[in-house]
């Protein structure tokens, strides 16, 4: 299984690259890479085109993370998470991939592992609480490439549009 870490956001609310924000001396993206390494044979970090701050100012991160992860640049710049998922799937050597945002350092590995076990018969496996889906902590198959490409060409960047045309398994999260 491949893991795709989406680290190409503009971080407009935070004001700086959130992937480089640290918790206990480790960048958020390094936390993610470390967590996903137990589930993945390949980790791909998707960054924005021209994201030199990420590549240059954090070379220490790149030395440690790229020993286990490959850094790639968005194929379609400025297309948000949908473009990042597309890029990661294109670069992936596996048919299915876990796709997560770079600002989720406390990912549930047992949940992702369970989702991965269900993924071979679905295009997407994603958690859902009531009517709220978490598309940036989900499993996508390469069957999604053509529909994503079509959405990107139409500049339709809402991930929920992909969910309307794919075979989706929702992991229902129940709460009291």
N, C-alpha and C. Protein backbone atom coordinates (compact mmCIF):
# COMPACT_ATOMS: atom_id res chain seq x y z
N UNK A 1 0.86 -1.18 0.00
CA UNK A 1 0.00 0.00 0.00
C UNK A 1 0.90 1.24 0.00
N UNK A 2 0.51 2.20 -0.80
CA UNK A 2 1.19 3.50 -0.83
C UNK A 2 0.46 4.45 0.11
N UNK A 3 1.19 5.36 0.70
CA UNK A 3 0.59 6.47 1.43
C UNK A 3 0.95 7.77 0.74
N UNK A 4 -0.04 8.63 0.59
CA UNK A 4 0.14 9.94 -0.03
C UNK A 4 -0.09 10.99 1.05
N UNK A 5 0.91 11.84 1.26
CA UNK A 5 0.80 12.93 2.23
C UNK A 5 0.63 14.23 1.46
N UNK A 6 -0.49 14.88 1.65
CA UNK A 6 -0.78 16.12 0.94
C UNK A 6 -0.20 17.30 1.71
N UNK A 7 0.89 17.85 1.19
CA UNK A 7 1.61 18.93 1.88
C UNK A 7 1.77 20.14 0.98
N UNK A 8 0.86 20.34 0.04
CA UNK A 8 1.01 21.43 -0.92
C UNK A 8 0.10 22.61 -0.69
N UNK A 9 -0.60 22.64 0.44
CA UNK A 9 -1.54 23.72 0.70
C UNK A 9 -0.86 25.07 0.85
N UNK A 10 -1.66 26.11 0.71
CA UNK A 10 -1.13 27.47 0.80
C UNK A 10 -0.99 27.95 2.24
N UNK A 11 -1.58 27.23 3.18
CA UNK A 11 -1.51 27.58 4.60
C UNK A 11 -1.91 29.02 4.84
N UNK A 12 -2.93 29.48 4.14
CA UNK A 12 -3.33 30.89 4.23
C UNK A 12 -3.86 31.26 5.62
N UNK A 13 -4.52 30.34 6.30
CA UNK A 13 -5.02 30.66 7.64
C UNK A 13 -3.88 30.75 8.65
N UNK A 14 -2.89 29.88 8.53
CA UNK A 14 -1.78 29.87 9.48
C UNK A 14 -0.75 30.94 9.16
N UNK A 15 -0.52 31.20 7.88
CA UNK A 15 0.43 32.23 7.48
C UNK A 15 1.81 31.69 7.13
N UNK A 16 2.08 30.42 7.37
CA UNK A 16 3.33 29.77 6.97
C UNK A 16 3.03 28.31 6.70
N UNK A 17 4.01 27.62 6.15
CA UNK A 17 3.81 26.23 5.74
C UNK A 17 3.50 25.34 6.94
N UNK A 18 2.24 24.91 7.05
CA UNK A 18 1.83 24.14 8.22
C UNK A 18 2.53 22.78 8.28
N UNK A 19 2.95 22.25 7.16
CA UNK A 19 3.66 20.96 7.16
C UNK A 19 4.93 21.03 7.98
N UNK A 20 5.48 22.25 8.12
CA UNK A 20 6.73 22.42 8.85
C UNK A 20 6.52 22.80 10.31
N UNK A 21 5.27 23.02 10.71
CA UNK A 21 4.98 23.31 12.11
C UNK A 21 5.44 22.12 12.95
N UNK A 22 5.99 22.41 14.14
CA UNK A 22 6.55 21.32 14.93
C UNK A 22 5.74 21.02 16.19
N UNK A 23 5.75 19.76 16.56
CA UNK A 23 5.22 19.27 17.82
C UNK A 23 6.32 18.42 18.43
N UNK A 24 6.74 18.78 19.63
CA UNK A 24 7.83 18.06 20.30
C UNK A 24 9.06 17.90 19.42
N UNK A 25 9.42 18.97 18.71
CA UNK A 25 10.64 18.99 17.92
C UNK A 25 10.58 18.27 16.59
N UNK A 26 9.40 17.84 16.17
CA UNK A 26 9.27 17.13 14.90
C UNK A 26 8.19 17.81 14.06
N UNK A 27 8.48 18.00 12.76
CA UNK A 27 7.49 18.65 11.89
C UNK A 27 6.26 17.77 11.75
N UNK A 28 5.11 18.43 11.48
CA UNK A 28 3.86 17.68 11.28
C UNK A 28 4.02 16.62 10.19
N UNK A 29 4.66 16.99 9.11
CA UNK A 29 4.79 16.04 8.02
C UNK A 29 5.69 14.86 8.42
N UNK A 30 6.68 15.10 9.27
CA UNK A 30 7.51 13.99 9.74
C UNK A 30 6.70 13.06 10.65
N UNK A 31 5.83 13.64 11.49
CA UNK A 31 4.94 12.81 12.32
C UNK A 31 4.11 11.89 11.43
N UNK A 32 3.57 12.44 10.34
CA UNK A 32 2.72 11.67 9.44
C UNK A 32 3.53 10.55 8.78
N UNK A 33 4.71 10.90 8.26
CA UNK A 33 5.55 9.89 7.61
C UNK A 33 5.88 8.77 8.59
N UNK A 34 6.24 9.13 9.81
CA UNK A 34 6.55 8.11 10.82
C UNK A 34 5.36 7.21 11.10
N UNK A 35 4.17 7.80 11.23
CA UNK A 35 2.96 7.01 11.53
C UNK A 35 2.61 6.08 10.37
N UNK A 36 2.71 6.57 9.15
CA UNK A 36 2.28 5.79 7.99
C UNK A 36 3.28 4.71 7.59
N UNK A 37 4.50 4.82 8.05
CA UNK A 37 5.52 3.85 7.61
C UNK A 37 5.19 2.42 8.02
N UNK A 38 4.39 2.23 9.07
CA UNK A 38 4.03 0.87 9.46
C UNK A 38 3.00 0.23 8.51
N UNK A 39 2.30 1.05 7.74
CA UNK A 39 1.27 0.55 6.82
C UNK A 39 1.70 0.55 5.36
N UNK A 40 2.80 1.22 5.05
CA UNK A 40 3.10 1.54 3.66
C UNK A 40 4.41 0.96 3.18
N UNK A 41 4.37 0.51 1.93
CA UNK A 41 5.60 0.11 1.26
C UNK A 41 6.22 1.30 0.55
N UNK A 42 5.44 2.37 0.40
CA UNK A 42 5.88 3.56 -0.32
C UNK A 42 5.14 4.77 0.26
N UNK A 43 5.87 5.85 0.51
CA UNK A 43 5.25 7.08 0.98
C UNK A 43 5.62 8.19 0.00
N UNK A 44 4.60 8.91 -0.45
CA UNK A 44 4.78 10.00 -1.40
C UNK A 44 4.28 11.28 -0.74
N UNK A 45 5.12 12.30 -0.70
CA UNK A 45 4.73 13.60 -0.18
C UNK A 45 4.51 14.51 -1.39
N UNK A 46 3.29 15.02 -1.53
CA UNK A 46 2.95 15.88 -2.66
C UNK A 46 3.02 17.33 -2.19
N UNK A 47 3.84 18.11 -2.87
CA UNK A 47 4.00 19.52 -2.53
C UNK A 47 3.58 20.39 -3.71
N UNK A 48 3.39 21.67 -3.44
CA UNK A 48 3.00 22.61 -4.50
C UNK A 48 4.21 22.97 -5.35
N UNK A 49 3.93 23.24 -6.60
CA UNK A 49 4.99 23.70 -7.52
C UNK A 49 5.58 25.00 -6.98
N UNK A 50 6.89 25.09 -6.98
CA UNK A 50 7.55 26.29 -6.50
C UNK A 50 7.60 26.40 -4.98
N UNK A 51 7.33 25.31 -4.30
CA UNK A 51 7.34 25.31 -2.84
C UNK A 51 8.78 25.17 -2.34
N UNK A 52 9.60 26.18 -2.69
CA UNK A 52 11.01 26.12 -2.36
C UNK A 52 11.27 26.21 -0.86
N UNK A 53 10.39 26.91 -0.14
CA UNK A 53 10.56 26.99 1.32
C UNK A 53 10.58 25.59 1.90
N UNK A 54 9.68 24.75 1.45
CA UNK A 54 9.59 23.37 1.95
C UNK A 54 10.86 22.60 1.63
N UNK A 55 11.33 22.75 0.40
CA UNK A 55 12.47 21.96 -0.03
C UNK A 55 13.80 22.48 0.47
N UNK A 56 13.97 23.79 0.54
CA UNK A 56 15.27 24.36 0.88
C UNK A 56 15.41 24.61 2.38
N UNK A 57 14.46 25.34 2.97
CA UNK A 57 14.62 25.73 4.36
C UNK A 57 14.49 24.55 5.32
N UNK A 58 13.99 23.45 4.84
CA UNK A 58 13.82 22.31 5.73
C UNK A 58 14.60 21.11 5.23
N UNK A 59 15.82 21.34 4.79
CA UNK A 59 16.60 20.26 4.22
C UNK A 59 16.87 19.14 5.23
N UNK A 60 16.93 19.47 6.52
CA UNK A 60 17.12 18.43 7.54
C UNK A 60 15.93 17.47 7.53
N UNK A 61 14.73 18.02 7.39
CA UNK A 61 13.55 17.16 7.26
C UNK A 61 13.67 16.28 6.03
N UNK A 62 14.07 16.89 4.91
CA UNK A 62 14.14 16.11 3.68
C UNK A 62 15.13 14.96 3.80
N UNK A 63 16.24 15.18 4.49
CA UNK A 63 17.21 14.11 4.66
C UNK A 63 16.60 12.93 5.40
N UNK A 64 15.88 13.19 6.47
CA UNK A 64 15.31 12.09 7.24
C UNK A 64 14.06 11.52 6.59
N UNK A 65 13.18 12.37 6.08
CA UNK A 65 11.92 11.88 5.53
C UNK A 65 12.11 11.20 4.18
N UNK A 66 12.99 11.74 3.34
CA UNK A 66 13.13 11.15 2.01
C UNK A 66 13.88 9.83 2.05
N UNK A 67 14.42 9.45 3.19
CA UNK A 67 14.97 8.11 3.27
C UNK A 67 13.83 7.10 3.22
N UNK A 68 12.62 7.53 3.58
CA UNK A 68 11.44 6.68 3.52
C UNK A 68 10.35 7.23 2.62
N UNK A 69 10.49 8.44 2.14
CA UNK A 69 9.43 9.07 1.35
C UNK A 69 9.99 9.74 0.12
N UNK A 70 9.17 9.79 -0.91
CA UNK A 70 9.51 10.47 -2.16
C UNK A 70 8.73 11.77 -2.19
N UNK A 71 9.38 12.87 -2.50
CA UNK A 71 8.71 14.17 -2.61
C UNK A 71 8.45 14.44 -4.09
N UNK A 72 7.18 14.73 -4.42
CA UNK A 72 6.80 15.03 -5.80
C UNK A 72 6.03 16.35 -5.83
N UNK A 73 6.03 16.98 -6.99
CA UNK A 73 5.37 18.27 -7.18
C UNK A 73 4.03 18.04 -7.87
N UNK A 74 3.01 18.77 -7.43
CA UNK A 74 1.68 18.69 -8.03
C UNK A 74 1.76 18.73 -9.56
N UNK A 75 1.11 17.79 -10.21
CA UNK A 75 1.04 17.77 -11.67
C UNK A 75 0.19 18.94 -12.16
N UNK A 76 -0.93 19.18 -11.45
CA UNK A 76 -1.82 20.29 -11.77
C UNK A 76 -1.73 21.30 -10.64
N UNK A 77 -0.97 22.38 -10.82
CA UNK A 77 -0.82 23.36 -9.74
C UNK A 77 -2.14 24.07 -9.41
N UNK A 78 -2.25 24.45 -8.16
CA UNK A 78 -3.39 25.24 -7.67
C UNK A 78 -4.73 24.53 -7.85
N UNK A 79 -4.74 23.22 -7.74
CA UNK A 79 -5.98 22.45 -7.86
C UNK A 79 -6.37 21.81 -6.53
N UNK A 80 -5.75 22.26 -5.45
CA UNK A 80 -6.14 21.83 -4.12
C UNK A 80 -5.88 20.36 -3.85
N UNK A 81 -6.55 19.83 -2.83
CA UNK A 81 -6.33 18.43 -2.44
C UNK A 81 -6.66 17.43 -3.55
N UNK A 82 -7.65 17.74 -4.38
CA UNK A 82 -8.00 16.82 -5.47
C UNK A 82 -6.81 16.65 -6.42
N UNK A 83 -6.14 17.76 -6.73
CA UNK A 83 -4.94 17.70 -7.57
C UNK A 83 -3.81 16.93 -6.89
N UNK A 84 -3.68 17.09 -5.58
CA UNK A 84 -2.66 16.36 -4.84
C UNK A 84 -2.92 14.87 -4.82
N UNK A 85 -4.18 14.48 -4.63
CA UNK A 85 -4.54 13.07 -4.65
C UNK A 85 -4.24 12.48 -6.04
N UNK A 86 -4.59 13.23 -7.07
CA UNK A 86 -4.33 12.78 -8.44
C UNK A 86 -2.83 12.56 -8.64
N UNK A 87 -2.02 13.54 -8.25
CA UNK A 87 -0.57 13.42 -8.41
C UNK A 87 -0.04 12.21 -7.66
N UNK A 88 -0.48 12.04 -6.42
CA UNK A 88 -0.02 10.90 -5.63
C UNK A 88 -0.40 9.57 -6.26
N UNK A 89 -1.62 9.46 -6.77
CA UNK A 89 -2.05 8.21 -7.41
C UNK A 89 -1.25 7.94 -8.69
N UNK A 90 -0.97 8.98 -9.46
CA UNK A 90 -0.16 8.81 -10.68
C UNK A 90 1.22 8.29 -10.31
N UNK A 91 1.81 8.84 -9.26
CA UNK A 91 3.16 8.46 -8.84
C UNK A 91 3.22 7.13 -8.11
N UNK A 92 2.10 6.66 -7.60
CA UNK A 92 2.06 5.45 -6.78
C UNK A 92 2.37 4.20 -7.59
N UNK A 93 3.13 3.30 -6.99
CA UNK A 93 3.38 2.00 -7.62
C UNK A 93 2.33 0.97 -7.21
N UNK A 94 1.45 1.33 -6.29
CA UNK A 94 0.39 0.43 -5.82
C UNK A 94 -0.96 0.88 -6.39
N UNK A 95 -1.90 -0.05 -6.43
CA UNK A 95 -3.22 0.26 -6.97
C UNK A 95 -4.05 1.09 -5.99
N UNK A 96 -3.87 0.85 -4.68
CA UNK A 96 -4.58 1.62 -3.66
C UNK A 96 -3.58 2.47 -2.88
N UNK A 97 -4.08 3.60 -2.38
CA UNK A 97 -3.23 4.48 -1.60
C UNK A 97 -4.03 5.15 -0.50
N UNK A 98 -3.41 5.26 0.64
CA UNK A 98 -3.95 6.05 1.73
C UNK A 98 -3.60 7.50 1.41
N UNK A 99 -4.57 8.40 1.47
CA UNK A 99 -4.29 9.83 1.24
C UNK A 99 -4.67 10.58 2.50
N UNK A 100 -3.71 11.33 3.04
CA UNK A 100 -3.96 12.11 4.26
C UNK A 100 -3.38 13.51 4.12
N UNK A 101 -3.98 14.43 4.85
CA UNK A 101 -3.46 15.79 4.92
C UNK A 101 -2.23 15.79 5.82
N UNK A 102 -1.37 16.76 5.60
CA UNK A 102 -0.11 16.82 6.36
C UNK A 102 -0.29 17.30 7.79
N UNK A 103 -1.50 17.73 8.14
CA UNK A 103 -1.71 18.27 9.48
C UNK A 103 -2.55 17.35 10.35
N UNK A 104 -2.32 16.05 10.22
CA UNK A 104 -3.05 15.04 11.00
C UNK A 104 -2.06 14.14 11.75
N UNK A 105 -1.33 14.68 12.71
CA UNK A 105 -0.26 13.89 13.34
C UNK A 105 -0.75 12.74 14.21
N UNK A 106 -2.03 12.72 14.54
CA UNK A 106 -2.54 11.68 15.44
C UNK A 106 -3.46 10.71 14.70
N UNK A 107 -3.08 10.35 13.49
CA UNK A 107 -3.84 9.41 12.68
C UNK A 107 -4.07 8.10 13.44
N UNK A 108 -5.23 7.50 13.24
CA UNK A 108 -5.52 6.19 13.83
C UNK A 108 -5.01 5.12 12.87
N UNK A 109 -3.91 4.52 13.21
CA UNK A 109 -3.33 3.47 12.37
C UNK A 109 -4.25 2.25 12.31
N UNK A 110 -4.88 1.82 13.44
CA UNK A 110 -5.82 0.70 13.34
C UNK A 110 -6.99 0.99 12.39
N UNK A 111 -7.51 2.21 12.40
CA UNK A 111 -8.60 2.57 11.49
C UNK A 111 -8.11 2.50 10.04
N UNK A 112 -6.96 3.10 9.76
CA UNK A 112 -6.43 3.07 8.40
C UNK A 112 -6.14 1.64 7.94
N UNK A 113 -5.63 0.82 8.84
CA UNK A 113 -5.36 -0.58 8.51
C UNK A 113 -6.66 -1.30 8.16
N UNK A 114 -7.70 -1.08 8.94
CA UNK A 114 -9.00 -1.69 8.67
C UNK A 114 -9.56 -1.20 7.34
N UNK A 115 -9.45 0.09 7.09
CA UNK A 115 -9.92 0.65 5.82
C UNK A 115 -9.16 0.03 4.65
N UNK A 116 -7.85 -0.16 4.83
CA UNK A 116 -7.03 -0.75 3.77
C UNK A 116 -7.48 -2.18 3.47
N UNK A 117 -7.88 -2.91 4.49
CA UNK A 117 -8.35 -4.28 4.28
C UNK A 117 -9.64 -4.31 3.45
N UNK A 118 -10.47 -3.29 3.57
CA UNK A 118 -11.72 -3.21 2.81
C UNK A 118 -11.54 -2.66 1.40
N UNK A 119 -10.44 -1.99 1.16
CA UNK A 119 -10.27 -1.19 -0.06
C UNK A 119 -10.23 -1.95 -1.38
N UNK A 120 -9.82 -3.21 -1.45
CA UNK A 120 -9.73 -3.83 -2.78
C UNK A 120 -11.01 -3.88 -3.59
N UNK A 121 -12.17 -3.80 -2.97
CA UNK A 121 -13.42 -3.88 -3.74
C UNK A 121 -14.12 -2.53 -3.91
N UNK A 122 -13.45 -1.45 -3.49
CA UNK A 122 -14.02 -0.11 -3.60
C UNK A 122 -13.01 0.83 -4.25
N UNK A 123 -13.52 1.90 -4.84
CA UNK A 123 -12.64 2.95 -5.37
C UNK A 123 -12.15 3.87 -4.25
N UNK A 124 -13.01 4.09 -3.25
CA UNK A 124 -12.69 4.97 -2.12
C UNK A 124 -13.25 4.33 -0.86
N UNK A 125 -12.47 4.39 0.21
CA UNK A 125 -12.96 4.03 1.55
C UNK A 125 -12.67 5.25 2.43
N UNK A 126 -13.72 5.80 3.05
CA UNK A 126 -13.55 7.04 3.82
C UNK A 126 -14.41 7.01 5.09
N UNK A 127 -13.90 7.62 6.16
CA UNK A 127 -14.71 7.73 7.38
C UNK A 127 -15.82 8.75 7.20
N UNK A 128 -16.95 8.50 7.89
CA UNK A 128 -18.07 9.44 7.83
C UNK A 128 -18.73 9.48 9.21
N UNK A 129 -18.99 10.68 9.68
CA UNK A 129 -19.75 10.89 10.91
C UNK A 129 -21.02 11.63 10.50
N UNK A 130 -22.14 10.95 10.65
CA UNK A 130 -23.43 11.47 10.18
C UNK A 130 -23.30 11.80 8.70
N UNK A 131 -23.44 13.06 8.30
CA UNK A 131 -23.31 13.40 6.89
C UNK A 131 -21.96 14.04 6.53
N UNK A 132 -21.02 14.00 7.45
CA UNK A 132 -19.70 14.63 7.23
C UNK A 132 -18.66 13.56 6.89
N UNK A 133 -18.10 13.65 5.68
CA UNK A 133 -17.09 12.72 5.20
C UNK A 133 -15.72 13.34 5.40
N UNK A 134 -14.72 12.50 5.71
CA UNK A 134 -13.34 12.97 5.84
C UNK A 134 -12.55 12.48 4.62
N UNK A 135 -12.53 13.26 3.53
CA UNK A 135 -11.85 12.82 2.31
C UNK A 135 -10.33 12.90 2.37
N UNK A 136 -9.80 13.58 3.39
CA UNK A 136 -8.35 13.72 3.49
C UNK A 136 -7.75 12.78 4.53
N UNK A 137 -8.46 11.71 4.78
CA UNK A 137 -7.97 10.59 5.58
C UNK A 137 -8.71 9.37 5.04
N UNK A 138 -8.41 9.03 3.80
CA UNK A 138 -9.18 8.02 3.08
C UNK A 138 -8.27 7.18 2.19
N UNK A 139 -8.84 6.13 1.64
CA UNK A 139 -8.12 5.25 0.72
C UNK A 139 -8.73 5.45 -0.66
N UNK A 140 -7.85 5.65 -1.64
CA UNK A 140 -8.27 5.86 -3.03
C UNK A 140 -7.59 4.82 -3.91
N UNK A 141 -8.30 4.34 -4.93
CA UNK A 141 -7.68 3.42 -5.88
C UNK A 141 -7.36 4.17 -7.17
N UNK A 142 -6.56 3.54 -7.99
CA UNK A 142 -6.23 4.14 -9.29
C UNK A 142 -7.44 4.22 -10.20
N UNK A 143 -8.53 3.52 -9.85
CA UNK A 143 -9.78 3.69 -10.61
C UNK A 143 -10.28 5.13 -10.54
N UNK A 144 -9.80 5.89 -9.57
CA UNK A 144 -10.22 7.29 -9.42
C UNK A 144 -9.48 8.23 -10.37
N UNK A 145 -8.41 7.77 -11.00
CA UNK A 145 -7.61 8.67 -11.84
C UNK A 145 -8.43 9.31 -12.96
N UNK A 146 -9.16 8.54 -13.73
CA UNK A 146 -9.93 9.12 -14.84
C UNK A 146 -10.99 10.09 -14.36
N UNK A 147 -11.80 9.74 -13.33
CA UNK A 147 -12.79 10.73 -12.87
C UNK A 147 -12.14 11.98 -12.28
N UNK A 148 -11.03 11.83 -11.56
CA UNK A 148 -10.36 13.01 -11.01
C UNK A 148 -9.84 13.88 -12.15
N UNK A 149 -9.23 13.25 -13.14
CA UNK A 149 -8.71 14.01 -14.29
C UNK A 149 -9.82 14.81 -14.95
N UNK A 150 -10.97 14.18 -15.12
CA UNK A 150 -12.11 14.86 -15.72
C UNK A 150 -12.55 16.06 -14.86
N UNK A 151 -12.62 15.86 -13.56
CA UNK A 151 -12.99 16.97 -12.66
C UNK A 151 -11.97 18.10 -12.73
N UNK A 152 -10.68 17.76 -12.72
CA UNK A 152 -9.64 18.79 -12.79
C UNK A 152 -9.71 19.57 -14.09
N UNK A 153 -9.95 18.89 -15.20
CA UNK A 153 -10.04 19.57 -16.50
C UNK A 153 -11.21 20.55 -16.53
N UNK A 154 -12.29 20.23 -15.79
CA UNK A 154 -13.45 21.13 -15.70
C UNK A 154 -13.29 22.15 -14.58
N UNK A 155 -12.16 22.10 -13.89
CA UNK A 155 -11.88 22.98 -12.74
C UNK A 155 -12.91 22.78 -11.62
N UNK A 156 -13.45 21.58 -11.53
CA UNK A 156 -14.36 21.20 -10.45
C UNK A 156 -13.47 20.56 -9.37
N UNK A 157 -13.19 21.30 -8.32
CA UNK A 157 -12.18 20.89 -7.35
C UNK A 157 -12.75 20.33 -6.05
N UNK A 158 -14.06 20.21 -5.95
CA UNK A 158 -14.68 19.66 -4.74
C UNK A 158 -14.55 18.14 -4.74
N UNK A 159 -13.89 17.62 -3.73
CA UNK A 159 -13.67 16.18 -3.65
C UNK A 159 -14.99 15.42 -3.59
N UNK A 160 -16.01 16.03 -2.98
CA UNK A 160 -17.29 15.32 -2.89
C UNK A 160 -17.87 15.00 -4.26
N UNK A 161 -17.48 15.71 -5.30
CA UNK A 161 -17.93 15.39 -6.66
C UNK A 161 -17.35 14.04 -7.09
N UNK A 162 -16.15 13.73 -6.68
CA UNK A 162 -15.55 12.43 -6.97
C UNK A 162 -16.35 11.31 -6.29
N UNK A 163 -16.78 11.57 -5.05
CA UNK A 163 -17.54 10.58 -4.30
C UNK A 163 -18.87 10.26 -4.98
N UNK A 164 -19.38 11.18 -5.81
CA UNK A 164 -20.64 10.95 -6.52
C UNK A 164 -20.50 9.99 -7.70
N UNK A 165 -19.26 9.78 -8.18
CA UNK A 165 -19.07 8.94 -9.37
C UNK A 165 -18.22 7.70 -9.10
N UNK A 166 -17.80 7.49 -7.86
CA UNK A 166 -16.94 6.36 -7.52
C UNK A 166 -17.69 5.35 -6.65
N UNK A 167 -17.16 4.13 -6.60
CA UNK A 167 -17.69 3.12 -5.68
C UNK A 167 -17.07 3.40 -4.31
N UNK A 168 -17.90 3.87 -3.39
CA UNK A 168 -17.41 4.35 -2.09
C UNK A 168 -17.93 3.45 -0.96
N UNK A 169 -17.04 3.13 -0.05
CA UNK A 169 -17.41 2.47 1.21
C UNK A 169 -17.18 3.49 2.31
N UNK A 170 -18.24 3.84 3.02
CA UNK A 170 -18.13 4.78 4.14
C UNK A 170 -17.95 3.99 5.42
N UNK A 171 -16.97 4.40 6.20
CA UNK A 171 -16.76 3.84 7.54
C UNK A 171 -17.57 4.72 8.48
N UNK A 172 -18.71 4.21 8.91
CA UNK A 172 -19.60 4.98 9.76
C UNK A 172 -19.01 5.05 11.18
N UNK A 173 -18.83 6.26 11.65
CA UNK A 173 -18.34 6.48 13.01
C UNK A 173 -19.55 6.82 13.87
N UNK A 174 -19.79 5.98 14.83
CA UNK A 174 -20.93 6.18 15.72
C UNK A 174 -20.46 6.91 16.97
N UNK A 175 -21.27 7.81 17.44
CA UNK A 175 -20.95 8.48 18.69
C UNK A 175 -22.22 8.59 19.51
N UNK A 176 -22.04 8.68 20.81
CA UNK A 176 -23.21 8.69 21.74
C UNK A 176 -23.78 10.07 21.89
